[in-house]
Amino acid sequence: MVFVPFCYGEAAANLLTNPALDPYGKIPEFKYAACRLSRSDVA
């Protein structure tokens, strides 16, 4: 599970997630997105 906050203007997570909308409620599909994790070289 990966968590990325998207409720702040400086968090661009909304640009990284699927732009699909629920057809009835027009709610963005921000809760599910594929991701790839890799180890950082920065300590």
N, C-alpha and C. Protein backbone atom coordinates (compact mmCIF):
# COMPACT_ATOMS: atom_id res chain seq x y z
N MET A 1 0.84 -1.15 0.00
CA MET A 1 0.00 0.00 0.00
C MET A 1 0.90 1.23 0.00
N VAL A 2 0.60 2.18 -0.85
CA VAL A 2 1.33 3.44 -0.95
C VAL A 2 0.34 4.57 -0.71
N PHE A 3 0.71 5.51 0.13
CA PHE A 3 -0.15 6.65 0.41
C PHE A 3 0.50 7.92 -0.13
N VAL A 4 -0.27 8.70 -0.87
CA VAL A 4 0.19 9.99 -1.36
C VAL A 4 -0.92 10.99 -1.10
N PRO A 5 -0.67 12.03 -0.29
CA PRO A 5 -1.72 13.02 -0.04
C PRO A 5 -1.99 13.84 -1.31
N PHE A 6 -3.26 14.04 -1.60
CA PHE A 6 -3.61 14.83 -2.78
C PHE A 6 -4.53 15.99 -2.44
N CYS A 7 -4.66 16.29 -1.17
CA CYS A 7 -5.59 17.34 -0.77
C CYS A 7 -4.93 18.72 -0.67
N TYR A 8 -3.64 18.79 -0.92
CA TYR A 8 -2.93 20.06 -0.84
C TYR A 8 -2.55 20.55 -2.23
N GLY A 9 -2.57 21.85 -2.44
CA GLY A 9 -2.23 22.42 -3.74
C GLY A 9 -0.81 22.12 -4.18
N GLU A 10 0.11 22.02 -3.23
CA GLU A 10 1.51 21.76 -3.60
C GLU A 10 1.77 20.27 -3.87
N ALA A 11 0.80 19.41 -3.58
CA ALA A 11 0.95 17.98 -3.86
C ALA A 11 0.37 17.69 -5.24
N ALA A 12 1.21 17.30 -6.14
CA ALA A 12 0.77 17.08 -7.52
C ALA A 12 0.30 15.65 -7.76
N ALA A 13 -0.13 14.95 -6.72
CA ALA A 13 -0.57 13.57 -6.87
C ALA A 13 -1.76 13.45 -7.82
N ASN A 14 -2.60 14.46 -7.88
CA ASN A 14 -3.73 14.42 -8.79
C ASN A 14 -3.28 14.36 -10.24
N LEU A 15 -2.10 14.86 -10.54
CA LEU A 15 -1.57 14.79 -11.91
C LEU A 15 -1.03 13.41 -12.23
N LEU A 16 -0.74 12.62 -11.21
CA LEU A 16 -0.15 11.30 -11.40
C LEU A 16 -1.17 10.19 -11.45
N THR A 17 -2.39 10.46 -11.01
CA THR A 17 -3.39 9.41 -10.92
C THR A 17 -4.31 9.41 -12.14
N ASN A 18 -5.12 8.39 -12.20
CA ASN A 18 -6.06 8.19 -13.30
C ASN A 18 -7.08 9.34 -13.34
N PRO A 19 -7.28 9.98 -14.51
CA PRO A 19 -8.23 11.09 -14.59
C PRO A 19 -9.70 10.66 -14.73
N ALA A 20 -9.97 9.35 -14.63
CA ALA A 20 -11.33 8.85 -14.80
C ALA A 20 -12.25 9.36 -13.71
N LEU A 21 -13.51 9.59 -14.07
CA LEU A 21 -14.54 10.03 -13.13
C LEU A 21 -15.61 8.96 -13.01
N ASP A 22 -16.20 8.86 -11.83
CA ASP A 22 -17.36 8.02 -11.65
C ASP A 22 -18.48 8.58 -12.53
N PRO A 23 -19.13 7.76 -13.35
CA PRO A 23 -20.12 8.29 -14.29
C PRO A 23 -21.35 8.91 -13.63
N TYR A 24 -21.66 8.54 -12.40
CA TYR A 24 -22.87 9.06 -11.76
C TYR A 24 -22.56 10.20 -10.79
N GLY A 25 -21.59 10.01 -9.93
CA GLY A 25 -21.28 11.01 -8.92
C GLY A 25 -20.22 12.01 -9.34
N LYS A 26 -19.56 11.74 -10.48
CA LYS A 26 -18.47 12.60 -11.00
C LYS A 26 -17.35 12.74 -9.97
N ILE A 27 -17.13 11.67 -9.18
CA ILE A 27 -16.07 11.66 -8.18
C ILE A 27 -14.80 11.13 -8.84
N PRO A 28 -13.68 11.82 -8.70
CA PRO A 28 -12.43 11.36 -9.30
C PRO A 28 -11.97 10.03 -8.71
N GLU A 29 -11.32 9.25 -9.56
CA GLU A 29 -10.80 7.95 -9.14
C GLU A 29 -9.37 8.12 -8.63
N PHE A 30 -9.21 8.80 -7.51
CA PHE A 30 -7.89 9.07 -6.96
C PHE A 30 -7.42 7.98 -6.01
N LYS A 31 -8.29 7.09 -5.59
CA LYS A 31 -7.92 6.12 -4.58
C LYS A 31 -7.15 4.94 -5.12
N TYR A 32 -7.17 4.71 -6.41
CA TYR A 32 -6.50 3.55 -6.98
C TYR A 32 -5.60 3.99 -8.13
N ALA A 33 -4.37 3.60 -8.08
CA ALA A 33 -3.43 3.91 -9.16
C ALA A 33 -2.28 2.92 -9.08
N ALA A 34 -1.80 2.49 -10.22
CA ALA A 34 -0.63 1.62 -10.25
C ALA A 34 0.60 2.43 -9.89
N CYS A 35 1.55 1.79 -9.26
CA CYS A 35 2.79 2.49 -8.92
C CYS A 35 3.95 1.51 -8.97
N ARG A 36 5.12 2.06 -9.10
CA ARG A 36 6.34 1.26 -9.07
C ARG A 36 7.27 1.87 -8.03
N LEU A 37 7.76 1.06 -7.13
CA LEU A 37 8.66 1.52 -6.09
C LEU A 37 10.07 1.07 -6.40
N SER A 38 11.03 1.91 -6.08
CA SER A 38 12.43 1.53 -6.23
C SER A 38 13.22 2.15 -5.09
N ARG A 39 14.33 1.52 -4.76
CA ARG A 39 15.17 1.99 -3.67
C ARG A 39 15.89 3.27 -4.11
N SER A 40 15.90 4.23 -3.20
CA SER A 40 16.57 5.50 -3.45
C SER A 40 18.05 5.40 -3.07
N ASP A 41 18.91 6.04 -3.82
CA ASP A 41 20.33 6.09 -3.50
C ASP A 41 20.64 7.17 -2.48
N VAL A 42 19.69 8.05 -2.23
CA VAL A 42 19.89 9.17 -1.30
C VAL A 42 19.62 8.69 0.12
N ALA A 43 20.54 8.96 1.01
CA ALA A 43 20.37 8.52 2.41
C ALA A 43 19.57 9.53 3.19
